[in-house]
Amino acid sequence: MYNGQPLPPLTGATGWLNGAPPDGPDLRGHVVLVQFWTLTCINWLRTAPYVRAWSQAYGDDGLIVIGVHTPEFSFEQDPDLVQRAGKDRGIGYPVAADNDYRIWRAFDNHYWPALYFADRTGMIRDHHFGEGRYEESERRLQRLLGVTRELVEVQGQGVEAPADWAHLRTPETYLGYARGEQFGSPDDGALRRGQWRLTGDWQVGRESVALRRPGGRIAVRFEARDAHLVLSSDRREPIPFRVLLDGGAPGRSHGVDVDPEGAGRLAEGRMYQLVRQHGRVGERTLEIVFEEAGAEAYAFTFG
């Protein structure tokens, strides 16, 4: 969708979180900000506090924010997971569940996250893909709304904290056969940066790798402040796991989803933060040990 084109109709959603927004004609007279997201995307999570703050700061000035959740992985179609993700992020504005990609295609969108800015006449005047450009985006909203004021203060915490770009040297890594790469076999010796390995009885699927027997492990060599893993399970009971960093407990470098001893639980499908390093950031080896079968792992992301 290009600047200067009309905002496409937001029809075809399989459901709505926080109620549906006004119909297309009733959006006229408002500035509309549409964000595409998917609940496991670390790039979206780091933009969430900004969009949330803009919705709260400019709602009385005529801004309507609309989220569109278009799932990257099949398990993200679960409406309960979308509901939980919205609650966890404090999202109070309407969010379309775009499981059939109808709104995605109407916008000809290709990215998570993506922002589209429409003026009061319903014409798209700006767009932005990915993270960053926050000051420019907020200034664009102010110009469309006809207001001038200090920018809102945003402090992302936990998984919403900005990435440590200066030390981020490992890219997102998918584990399913459709997009998987950098796989190292157990016979390859030490892992190289960005390489990952499975140990145990795993089934490799299109989107993910699934553990068939207890005691399976996933290891990755990475260089970044943060390390995350997208996990899911079709089991009703949580699956305990243990995180090792260079062979030992992570201690102070544990992520928000594990304790200093490395203990965590896979309770629902989402992105799990396993490591947040403090001080000097260098190459580390992360290993996740699953004590029971049923875990499904989709992608490593870093920050």
C-alpha atoms as a PDB file:
ATOM      1  CA  MET A   1       0.000   0.000   0.000  1.00  0.00           C
ATOM      2  CA  TYR A   2       1.515   3.301  -1.137  1.00  0.00           C
ATOM      3  CA  ASN A   3       1.263   6.821   0.206  1.00  0.00           C
ATOM      4  CA  GLY A   4      -1.554   8.782  -1.391  1.00  0.00           C
ATOM      5  CA  GLN A   5      -3.840   5.769  -1.740  1.00  0.00           C
ATOM      6  CA  PRO A   6      -7.104   5.312   0.192  1.00  0.00           C
ATOM      7  CA  LEU A   7      -7.001   3.321   3.418  1.00  0.00           C
ATOM      8  CA  PRO A   8      -8.269  -0.172   2.491  1.00  0.00           C
ATOM      9  CA  PRO A   9     -11.405  -1.466   4.229  1.00  0.00           C
ATOM     10  CA  LEU A  10     -10.647  -3.390   7.413  1.00  0.00           C
ATOM     11  CA  THR A  11     -12.939  -6.262   6.491  1.00  0.00           C
ATOM     12  CA  GLY A  12     -12.394  -9.995   6.524  1.00  0.00           C
ATOM     13  CA  ALA A  13     -11.179 -10.323  10.115  1.00  0.00           C
ATOM     14  CA  THR A  14     -11.928 -13.639  11.823  1.00  0.00           C
ATOM     15  CA  GLY A  15     -12.566 -11.755  15.068  1.00  0.00           C
ATOM     16  CA  TRP A  16     -11.820  -8.582  17.025  1.00  0.00           C
ATOM     17  CA  LEU A  17     -10.045  -7.892  20.285  1.00  0.00           C
ATOM     18  CA  ASN A  18     -11.398  -4.921  22.307  1.00  0.00           C
ATOM     19  CA  GLY A  19     -14.331  -4.510  19.908  1.00  0.00           C
ATOM     20  CA  ALA A  20     -14.372  -3.591  16.240  1.00  0.00           C
ATOM     21  CA  PRO A  21     -13.495  -0.011  15.230  1.00  0.00           C
ATOM     22  CA  PRO A  22     -15.983   2.273  13.467  1.00  0.00           C
ATOM     23  CA  ASP A  23     -16.864   1.339   9.891  1.00  0.00           C
ATOM     24  CA  GLY A  24     -14.823   2.870   7.079  1.00  0.00           C
ATOM     25  CA  PRO A  25     -17.008   5.937   6.476  1.00  0.00           C
ATOM     26  CA  ASP A  26     -17.143   6.618  10.223  1.00  0.00           C
ATOM     27  CA  LEU A  27     -13.334   6.738  10.354  1.00  0.00           C
ATOM     28  CA  ARG A  28     -13.420   9.875   8.206  1.00  0.00           C
ATOM     29  CA  GLY A  29     -12.554  12.897  10.252  1.00  0.00           C
ATOM     30  CA  HIS A  30     -10.071  10.877  12.302  1.00  0.00           C
ATOM     31  CA  VAL A  31      -6.387  10.213  11.845  1.00  0.00           C
ATOM     32  CA  VAL A  32      -5.951   6.437  11.695  1.00  0.00           C
ATOM     33  CA  LEU A  33      -2.808   4.492  12.582  1.00  0.00           C
ATOM     34  CA  VAL A  34      -2.848   0.826  11.551  1.00  0.00           C
ATOM     35  CA  GLN A  35      -0.192  -1.551  12.855  1.00  0.00           C
ATOM     36  CA  PHE A  36       0.347  -5.106  11.608  1.00  0.00           C
ATOM     37  CA  TRP A  37       1.849  -7.438  14.207  1.00  0.00           C
ATOM     38  CA  THR A  38       2.215 -11.035  15.230  1.00  0.00           C
ATOM     39  CA  LEU A  39       2.524 -12.061  18.866  1.00  0.00           C
ATOM     40  CA  THR A  40       5.870 -13.906  18.662  1.00  0.00           C
ATOM     41  CA  CYS A  41       7.721 -11.095  16.853  1.00  0.00           C
ATOM     42  CA  ILE A  42      10.458  -9.464  18.952  1.00  0.00           C
ATOM     43  CA  ASN A  43      10.515  -6.498  16.553  1.00  0.00           C
ATOM     44  CA  TRP A  44       6.817  -5.878  17.245  1.00  0.00           C
ATOM     45  CA  LEU A  45       7.269  -6.303  20.998  1.00  0.00           C
ATOM     46  CA  ARG A  46       9.873  -3.543  21.029  1.00  0.00           C
ATOM     47  CA  THR A  47       7.524  -1.176  19.134  1.00  0.00           C
ATOM     48  CA  ALA A  48       4.501  -1.958  21.340  1.00  0.00           C
ATOM     49  CA  PRO A  49       5.192   0.635  24.078  1.00  0.00           C
ATOM     50  CA  TYR A  50       5.367   3.448  21.510  1.00  0.00           C
ATOM     51  CA  VAL A  51       2.108   2.597  19.751  1.00  0.00           C
ATOM     52  CA  ARG A  52       0.422   2.090  23.127  1.00  0.00           C
ATOM     53  CA  ALA A  53       1.660   5.493  24.322  1.00  0.00           C
ATOM     54  CA  TRP A  54       0.527   7.251  21.129  1.00  0.00           C
ATOM     55  CA  SER A  55      -2.936   5.713  21.404  1.00  0.00           C
ATOM     56  CA  GLN A  56      -3.281   7.029  24.948  1.00  0.00           C
ATOM     57  CA  ALA A  57      -1.705  10.449  24.315  1.00  0.00           C
ATOM     58  CA  TYR A  58      -3.545  11.425  21.141  1.00  0.00           C
ATOM     59  CA  GLY A  59      -6.925   9.697  21.407  1.00  0.00           C
ATOM     60  CA  ASP A  60      -8.634  12.929  22.481  1.00  0.00           C
ATOM     61  CA  ASP A  61      -7.044  14.727  19.513  1.00  0.00           C
ATOM     62  CA  GLY A  62      -8.757  12.467  16.983  1.00  0.00           C
ATOM     63  CA  LEU A  63      -6.330   9.536  16.642  1.00  0.00           C
ATOM     64  CA  ILE A  64      -7.717   6.021  16.214  1.00  0.00           C
ATOM     65  CA  VAL A  65      -5.194   3.189  16.495  1.00  0.00           C
ATOM     66  CA  ILE A  66      -6.106  -0.179  14.995  1.00  0.00           C
ATOM     67  CA  GLY A  67      -4.001  -3.307  15.345  1.00  0.00           C
ATOM     68  CA  VAL A  68      -4.038  -6.138  12.834  1.00  0.00           C
ATOM     69  CA  HIS A  69      -2.738  -9.462  14.140  1.00  0.00           C
ATOM     70  CA  THR A  70      -1.681 -11.526  11.132  1.00  0.00           C
ATOM     71  CA  PRO A  71      -0.071 -14.766  12.383  1.00  0.00           C
ATOM     72  CA  GLU A  72       3.370 -15.806  11.187  1.00  0.00           C
ATOM     73  CA  PHE A  73       3.125 -19.312  12.681  1.00  0.00           C
ATOM     74  CA  SER A  74       0.001 -21.477  12.588  1.00  0.00           C
ATOM     75  CA  PHE A  75      -0.355 -21.734  16.392  1.00  0.00           C
ATOM     76  CA  GLU A  76      -0.701 -17.928  16.540  1.00  0.00           C
ATOM     77  CA  GLN A  77      -4.195 -18.252  15.052  1.00  0.00           C
ATOM     78  CA  ASP A  78      -5.471 -19.209  18.518  1.00  0.00           C
ATOM     79  CA  PRO A  79      -7.684 -16.274  19.642  1.00  0.00           C
ATOM     80  CA  ASP A  80      -6.895 -16.963  23.308  1.00  0.00           C
ATOM     81  CA  LEU A  81      -3.190 -16.402  22.624  1.00  0.00           C
ATOM     82  CA  VAL A  82      -3.909 -13.142  20.807  1.00  0.00           C
ATOM     83  CA  GLN A  83      -6.151 -12.042  23.684  1.00  0.00           C
ATOM     84  CA  ARG A  84      -3.425 -12.863  26.216  1.00  0.00           C
ATOM     85  CA  ALA A  85      -0.752 -11.068  24.188  1.00  0.00           C
ATOM     86  CA  GLY A  86      -2.937  -7.971  23.970  1.00  0.00           C
ATOM     87  CA  LYS A  87      -3.571  -8.032  27.715  1.00  0.00           C
ATOM     88  CA  ASP A  88       0.113  -8.576  28.521  1.00  0.00           C
ATOM     89  CA  ARG A  89       1.051  -5.562  26.371  1.00  0.00           C
ATOM     90  CA  GLY A  90      -1.717  -3.345  27.770  1.00  0.00           C
ATOM     91  CA  ILE A  91      -3.398  -2.907  24.392  1.00  0.00           C
ATOM     92  CA  GLY A  92      -6.744  -1.165  24.752  1.00  0.00           C
ATOM     93  CA  TYR A  93      -7.382  -0.279  21.110  1.00  0.00           C
ATOM     94  CA  PRO A  94      -9.181  -2.576  18.607  1.00  0.00           C
ATOM     95  CA  VAL A  95      -7.170  -5.449  17.110  1.00  0.00           C
ATOM     96  CA  ALA A  96      -8.333  -7.487  14.123  1.00  0.00           C
ATOM     97  CA  ALA A  97      -7.567 -11.215  14.094  1.00  0.00           C
ATOM     98  CA  ASP A  98      -6.453 -11.536  10.472  1.00  0.00           C
ATOM     99  CA  ASN A  99      -6.043 -15.315  10.379  1.00  0.00           C
ATOM    100  CA  ASP A 100      -6.983 -15.532   6.689  1.00  0.00           C
ATOM    101  CA  TYR A 101      -4.567 -12.715   5.671  1.00  0.00           C
ATOM    102  CA  ARG A 102      -7.405 -10.744   4.045  1.00  0.00           C
ATOM    103  CA  ILE A 103      -6.454  -7.396   5.573  1.00  0.00           C
ATOM    104  CA  TRP A 104      -2.762  -8.167   4.991  1.00  0.00           C
ATOM    105  CA  ARG A 105      -3.447  -8.688   1.278  1.00  0.00           C
ATOM    106  CA  ALA A 106      -5.703  -5.634   1.043  1.00  0.00           C
ATOM    107  CA  PHE A 107      -2.753  -3.525   2.230  1.00  0.00           C
ATOM    108  CA  ASP A 108      -0.303  -5.563   0.122  1.00  0.00           C
ATOM    109  CA  ASN A 109       1.728  -5.757   3.320  1.00  0.00           C
ATOM    110  CA  HIS A 110       4.857  -7.894   3.666  1.00  0.00           C
ATOM    111  CA  TYR A 111       6.290  -7.056   7.086  1.00  0.00           C
ATOM    112  CA  TRP A 112       5.897  -7.412  10.860  1.00  0.00           C
ATOM    113  CA  PRO A 113       5.600  -4.859  12.305  1.00  0.00           C
ATOM    114  CA  ALA A 114       4.274  -2.330   9.804  1.00  0.00           C
ATOM    115  CA  LEU A 115       2.681   1.064  10.419  1.00  0.00           C
ATOM    116  CA  TYR A 116       0.294   2.898   8.065  1.00  0.00           C
ATOM    117  CA  PHE A 117      -0.732   6.520   8.741  1.00  0.00           C
ATOM    118  CA  ALA A 118      -4.016   7.784   7.243  1.00  0.00           C
ATOM    119  CA  ASP A 119      -5.207  11.398   7.354  1.00  0.00           C
ATOM    120  CA  ARG A 120      -8.688  12.668   8.185  1.00  0.00           C
ATOM    121  CA  THR A 121      -9.832  12.181   4.580  1.00  0.00           C
ATOM    122  CA  GLY A 122      -8.936   8.477   4.648  1.00  0.00           C
ATOM    123  CA  MET A 123      -5.779   8.740   2.534  1.00  0.00           C
ATOM    124  CA  ILE A 124      -2.537   7.010   3.518  1.00  0.00           C
ATOM    125  CA  ARG A 125       0.141   9.649   4.035  1.00  0.00           C
ATOM    126  CA  ASP A 126       3.020   7.641   5.492  1.00  0.00           C
ATOM    127  CA  HIS A 127       4.176   4.125   6.322  1.00  0.00           C
ATOM    128  CA  HIS A 128       7.054   2.504   8.170  1.00  0.00           C
ATOM    129  CA  PHE A 129       8.270  -1.091   8.363  1.00  0.00           C
ATOM    130  CA  GLY A 130      10.171  -2.577  11.296  1.00  0.00           C
ATOM    131  CA  GLU A 131      11.478  -0.876  14.414  1.00  0.00           C
ATOM    132  CA  GLY A 132      12.800   2.621  14.964  1.00  0.00           C
ATOM    133  CA  ARG A 133      11.935   6.029  13.496  1.00  0.00           C
ATOM    134  CA  TYR A 134       9.810   6.709  16.578  1.00  0.00           C
ATOM    135  CA  GLU A 135      10.351  10.463  16.789  1.00  0.00           C
ATOM    136  CA  GLU A 136       9.617  10.955  13.095  1.00  0.00           C
ATOM    137  CA  SER A 137       6.491   8.775  13.332  1.00  0.00           C
ATOM    138  CA  GLU A 138       5.130  10.711  16.296  1.00  0.00           C
ATOM    139  CA  ARG A 139       5.852  14.038  14.576  1.00  0.00           C
ATOM    140  CA  ARG A 140       3.960  12.720  11.533  1.00  0.00           C
ATOM    141  CA  LEU A 141       0.979  11.920  13.763  1.00  0.00           C
ATOM    142  CA  GLN A 142       1.106  15.406  15.261  1.00  0.00           C
ATOM    143  CA  ARG A 143       1.130  17.029  11.813  1.00  0.00           C
ATOM    144  CA  LEU A 144      -1.818  14.917  10.667  1.00  0.00           C
ATOM    145  CA  LEU A 145      -3.705  15.764  13.860  1.00  0.00           C
ATOM    146  CA  GLY A 146      -2.781  19.443  13.739  1.00  0.00           C
ATOM    147  CA  VAL A 147      -1.211  19.503  17.204  1.00  0.00           C
ATOM    148  CA  THR A 148       2.212  20.520  18.491  1.00  0.00           C
ATOM    149  CA  ARG A 149       3.542  19.353  21.859  1.00  0.00           C
ATOM    150  CA  GLU A 150       6.392  17.561  23.534  1.00  0.00           C
ATOM    151  CA  LEU A 151       6.859  13.959  22.461  1.00  0.00           C
ATOM    152  CA  VAL A 152       5.664  11.292  24.860  1.00  0.00           C
ATOM    153  CA  GLU A 153       8.242   9.605  27.062  1.00  0.00           C
ATOM    154  CA  VAL A 154       8.542   5.866  26.435  1.00  0.00           C
ATOM    155  CA  GLN A 155      10.580   3.450  28.542  1.00  0.00           C
ATOM    156  CA  GLY A 156      10.394  -0.093  27.204  1.00  0.00           C
ATOM    157  CA  GLN A 157      10.872  -2.669  29.979  1.00  0.00           C
ATOM    158  CA  GLY A 158      11.569  -6.405  29.867  1.00  0.00           C
ATOM    159  CA  VAL A 159      11.041  -7.826  26.391  1.00  0.00           C
ATOM    160  CA  GLU A 160       9.890  -4.362  25.235  1.00  0.00           C
ATOM    161  CA  ALA A 161      13.304  -2.809  25.928  1.00  0.00           C
ATOM    162  CA  PRO A 162      15.187  -1.554  22.854  1.00  0.00           C
ATOM    163  CA  ALA A 163      17.735  -3.930  21.370  1.00  0.00           C
ATOM    164  CA  ASP A 164      21.437  -3.512  22.062  1.00  0.00           C
ATOM    165  CA  TRP A 165      22.198  -2.889  18.396  1.00  0.00           C
ATOM    166  CA  ALA A 166      25.918  -2.300  18.987  1.00  0.00           C
ATOM    167  CA  HIS A 167      26.381  -5.903  20.112  1.00  0.00           C
ATOM    168  CA  LEU A 168      23.697  -7.653  18.069  1.00  0.00           C
ATOM    169  CA  ARG A 169      25.663  -9.894  15.688  1.00  0.00           C
ATOM    170  CA  THR A 170      23.409 -12.939  15.363  1.00  0.00           C
ATOM    171  CA  PRO A 171      20.321 -12.806  13.089  1.00  0.00           C
ATOM    172  CA  GLU A 172      16.916 -14.362  13.617  1.00  0.00           C
ATOM    173  CA  THR A 173      17.192 -18.117  13.065  1.00  0.00           C
ATOM    174  CA  TYR A 174      14.272 -20.348  12.011  1.00  0.00           C
ATOM    175  CA  LEU A 175      14.242 -24.036  12.973  1.00  0.00           C
ATOM    176  CA  GLY A 176      11.627 -25.654  10.675  1.00  0.00           C
ATOM    177  CA  TYR A 177      12.736 -27.065   7.325  1.00  0.00           C
ATOM    178  CA  ALA A 178      10.906 -24.385   5.291  1.00  0.00           C
ATOM    179  CA  ARG A 179      13.267 -21.614   6.436  1.00  0.00           C
ATOM    180  CA  GLY A 180      15.794 -23.339   8.664  1.00  0.00           C
ATOM    181  CA  GLU A 181      19.491 -22.695   8.166  1.00  0.00           C
ATOM    182  CA  GLN A 182      22.803 -22.810  10.059  1.00  0.00           C
ATOM    183  CA  PHE A 183      21.996 -26.298  11.397  1.00  0.00           C
ATOM    184  CA  GLY A 184      24.940 -28.162  12.940  1.00  0.00           C
ATOM    185  CA  SER A 185      24.925 -31.920  13.484  1.00  0.00           C
ATOM    186  CA  PRO A 186      26.169 -33.455  16.768  1.00  0.00           C
ATOM    187  CA  ASP A 187      29.308 -34.588  14.908  1.00  0.00           C
ATOM    188  CA  ASP A 188      30.322 -31.097  13.786  1.00  0.00           C
ATOM    189  CA  GLY A 189      32.230 -30.264  16.973  1.00  0.00           C
ATOM    190  CA  ALA A 190      31.945 -26.806  18.540  1.00  0.00           C
ATOM    191  CA  LEU A 191      29.181 -24.582  17.228  1.00  0.00           C
ATOM    192  CA  ARG A 192      30.059 -21.482  15.239  1.00  0.00           C
ATOM    193  CA  ARG A 193      28.297 -18.173  15.839  1.00  0.00           C
ATOM    194  CA  GLY A 194      24.735 -18.387  14.531  1.00  0.00           C
ATOM    195  CA  GLN A 195      24.821 -22.193  14.300  1.00  0.00           C
ATOM    196  CA  TRP A 196      22.381 -24.389  16.240  1.00  0.00           C
ATOM    197  CA  ARG A 197      22.051 -28.067  17.083  1.00  0.00           C
ATOM    198  CA  LEU A 198      19.460 -30.617  18.243  1.00  0.00           C
ATOM    199  CA  THR A 199      20.188 -33.482  20.637  1.00  0.00           C
ATOM    200  CA  GLY A 200      17.604 -36.166  21.308  1.00  0.00           C
ATOM    201  CA  ASP A 201      14.528 -37.437  19.494  1.00  0.00           C
ATOM    202  CA  TRP A 202      13.166 -34.501  17.489  1.00  0.00           C
ATOM    203  CA  GLN A 203      10.782 -34.399  14.549  1.00  0.00           C
ATOM    204  CA  VAL A 204      11.595 -31.641  12.065  1.00  0.00           C
ATOM    205  CA  GLY A 205       8.458 -30.061  10.598  1.00  0.00           C
ATOM    206  CA  ARG A 206       7.837 -27.249   8.158  1.00  0.00           C
ATOM    207  CA  GLU A 207       7.544 -24.536  10.821  1.00  0.00           C
ATOM    208  CA  SER A 208       9.152 -26.080  13.889  1.00  0.00           C
ATOM    209  CA  VAL A 209      11.035 -28.913  15.535  1.00  0.00           C
ATOM    210  CA  ALA A 210       9.001 -31.041  17.988  1.00  0.00           C
ATOM    211  CA  LEU A 211      10.433 -33.131  20.829  1.00  0.00           C
ATOM    212  CA  ARG A 212       9.122 -36.705  20.864  1.00  0.00           C
ATOM    213  CA  ARG A 213      10.913 -37.999  23.995  1.00  0.00           C
ATOM    214  CA  PRO A 214      12.019 -36.346  27.253  1.00  0.00           C
ATOM    215  CA  GLY A 215      15.522 -34.979  27.632  1.00  0.00           C
ATOM    216  CA  GLY A 216      15.886 -33.289  24.259  1.00  0.00           C
ATOM    217  CA  ARG A 217      18.183 -30.298  23.889  1.00  0.00           C
ATOM    218  CA  ILE A 218      18.575 -27.305  21.580  1.00  0.00           C
ATOM    219  CA  ALA A 219      21.841 -25.397  21.562  1.00  0.00           C
ATOM    220  CA  VAL A 220      22.800 -22.199  19.724  1.00  0.00           C
ATOM    221  CA  ARG A 221      25.963 -20.108  19.585  1.00  0.00           C
ATOM    222  CA  PHE A 222      25.111 -16.418  19.590  1.00  0.00           C
ATOM    223  CA  GLU A 223      26.449 -12.926  20.184  1.00  0.00           C
ATOM    224  CA  ALA A 224      23.842 -10.501  21.519  1.00  0.00           C
ATOM    225  CA  ARG A 225      22.631  -9.086  24.816  1.00  0.00           C
ATOM    226  CA  ASP A 226      19.328 -10.988  24.673  1.00  0.00           C
ATOM    227  CA  ALA A 227      18.374 -14.434  23.399  1.00  0.00           C
ATOM    228  CA  HIS A 228      14.776 -15.566  22.860  1.00  0.00           C
ATOM    229  CA  LEU A 229      13.093 -18.717  21.594  1.00  0.00           C
ATOM    230  CA  VAL A 230       9.577 -19.008  20.148  1.00  0.00           C
ATOM    231  CA  LEU A 231       7.959 -22.047  21.766  1.00  0.00           C
ATOM    232  CA  SER A 232       4.599 -23.779  21.701  1.00  0.00           C
ATOM    233  CA  SER A 233       3.038 -27.061  22.797  1.00  0.00           C
ATOM    234  CA  ASP A 234      -0.216 -28.928  22.301  1.00  0.00           C
ATOM    235  CA  ARG A 235      -0.088 -30.268  25.869  1.00  0.00           C
ATOM    236  CA  ARG A 236      -2.446 -28.964  28.536  1.00  0.00           C
ATOM    237  CA  GLU A 237       0.152 -29.104  31.313  1.00  0.00           C
ATOM    238  CA  PRO A 238       3.254 -26.864  31.313  1.00  0.00           C
ATOM    239  CA  ILE A 239       6.546 -28.384  30.200  1.00  0.00           C
ATOM    240  CA  PRO A 240       9.528 -27.636  32.466  1.00  0.00           C
ATOM    241  CA  PHE A 241      12.819 -26.698  30.854  1.00  0.00           C
ATOM    242  CA  ARG A 242      16.287 -25.655  31.962  1.00  0.00           C
ATOM    243  CA  VAL A 243      18.566 -23.048  30.419  1.00  0.00           C
ATOM    244  CA  LEU A 244      22.340 -23.402  30.409  1.00  0.00           C
ATOM    245  CA  LEU A 245      24.667 -20.563  29.434  1.00  0.00           C
ATOM    246  CA  ASP A 246      28.156 -21.794  28.530  1.00  0.00           C
ATOM    247  CA  GLY A 247      27.312 -25.004  30.346  1.00  0.00           C
ATOM    248  CA  GLY A 248      26.166 -23.485  33.642  1.00  0.00           C
ATOM    249  CA  ALA A 249      23.259 -21.676  35.241  1.00  0.00           C
ATOM    250  CA  PRO A 250      22.677 -18.216  33.729  1.00  0.00           C
ATOM    251  CA  GLY A 251      22.738 -16.449  37.099  1.00  0.00           C
ATOM    252  CA  ARG A 252      22.354 -12.703  36.679  1.00  0.00           C
ATOM    253  CA  SER A 253      22.135 -13.153  32.894  1.00  0.00           C
ATOM    254  CA  HIS A 254      18.787 -14.973  33.076  1.00  0.00           C
ATOM    255  CA  GLY A 255      15.922 -13.704  30.932  1.00  0.00           C
ATOM    256  CA  VAL A 256      12.493 -12.754  32.229  1.00  0.00           C
ATOM    257  CA  ASP A 257      11.132 -16.261  31.561  1.00  0.00           C
ATOM    258  CA  VAL A 258      13.719 -18.188  33.586  1.00  0.00           C
ATOM    259  CA  ASP A 259      15.176 -17.837  37.080  1.00  0.00           C
ATOM    260  CA  PRO A 260      18.881 -17.450  37.960  1.00  0.00           C
ATOM    261  CA  GLU A 261      19.201 -21.245  38.113  1.00  0.00           C
ATOM    262  CA  GLY A 262      17.856 -21.460  34.561  1.00  0.00           C
ATOM    263  CA  ALA A 263      14.487 -23.023  35.389  1.00  0.00           C
ATOM    264  CA  GLY A 264      11.513 -22.124  33.201  1.00  0.00           C
ATOM    265  CA  ARG A 265       8.134 -23.471  32.083  1.00  0.00           C
ATOM    266  CA  LEU A 266       6.597 -23.673  28.625  1.00  0.00           C
ATOM    267  CA  ALA A 267       2.974 -22.833  29.457  1.00  0.00           C
ATOM    268  CA  GLU A 268       1.609 -21.295  26.231  1.00  0.00           C
ATOM    269  CA  GLY A 269       2.711 -20.498  22.711  1.00  0.00           C
ATOM    270  CA  ARG A 270       4.756 -17.266  22.620  1.00  0.00           C
ATOM    271  CA  MET A 271       8.276 -15.884  22.568  1.00  0.00           C
ATOM    272  CA  TYR A 272      10.322 -16.718  25.688  1.00  0.00           C
ATOM    273  CA  GLN A 273      13.210 -14.507  26.798  1.00  0.00           C
ATOM    274  CA  LEU A 274      15.923 -16.873  28.014  1.00  0.00           C
ATOM    275  CA  VAL A 275      18.977 -14.628  28.337  1.00  0.00           C
ATOM    276  CA  ARG A 276      19.625 -10.966  29.099  1.00  0.00           C
ATOM    277  CA  GLN A 277      23.333 -10.335  29.580  1.00  0.00           C
ATOM    278  CA  HIS A 278      24.704  -7.555  31.771  1.00  0.00           C
ATOM    279  CA  GLY A 279      28.071  -5.940  31.314  1.00  0.00           C
ATOM    280  CA  ARG A 280      30.319  -7.114  28.503  1.00  0.00           C
ATOM    281  CA  VAL A 281      28.503  -8.900  25.683  1.00  0.00           C
ATOM    282  CA  GLY A 282      30.402 -11.625  23.860  1.00  0.00           C
ATOM    283  CA  GLU A 283      29.804 -14.945  22.120  1.00  0.00           C
ATOM    284  CA  ARG A 284      27.955 -17.418  24.330  1.00  0.00           C
ATOM    285  CA  THR A 285      26.493 -20.898  23.955  1.00  0.00           C
ATOM    286  CA  LEU A 286      22.847 -21.213  24.989  1.00  0.00           C
ATOM    287  CA  GLU A 287      21.355 -24.652  25.598  1.00  0.00           C
ATOM    288  CA  ILE A 288      17.750 -25.457  26.494  1.00  0.00           C
ATOM    289  CA  VAL A 289      16.978 -28.847  28.049  1.00  0.00           C
ATOM    290  CA  PHE A 290      13.343 -30.032  27.981  1.00  0.00           C
ATOM    291  CA  GLU A 291      12.488 -32.468  30.755  1.00  0.00           C
ATOM    292  CA  GLU A 292       9.325 -33.759  29.063  1.00  0.00           C
ATOM    293  CA  ALA A 293       8.240 -34.435  25.487  1.00  0.00           C
ATOM    294  CA  GLY A 294       5.881 -32.173  23.552  1.00  0.00           C
ATOM    295  CA  ALA A 295       7.840 -28.934  23.183  1.00  0.00           C
ATOM    296  CA  GLU A 296       7.779 -27.280  19.764  1.00  0.00           C
ATOM    297  CA  ALA A 297      10.484 -24.732  18.917  1.00  0.00           C
ATOM    298  CA  TYR A 298      10.130 -22.317  16.004  1.00  0.00           C
ATOM    299  CA  ALA A 299      12.787 -19.601  15.939  1.00  0.00           C
ATOM    300  CA  PHE A 300      15.589 -17.947  17.872  1.00  0.00           C
ATOM    301  CA  THR A 301      15.583 -14.158  17.996  1.00  0.00           C
ATOM    302  CA  PHE A 302      18.130 -11.852  19.558  1.00  0.00           C
ATOM    303  CA  GLY A 303      18.357  -8.312  20.869  1.00  0.00           C
END
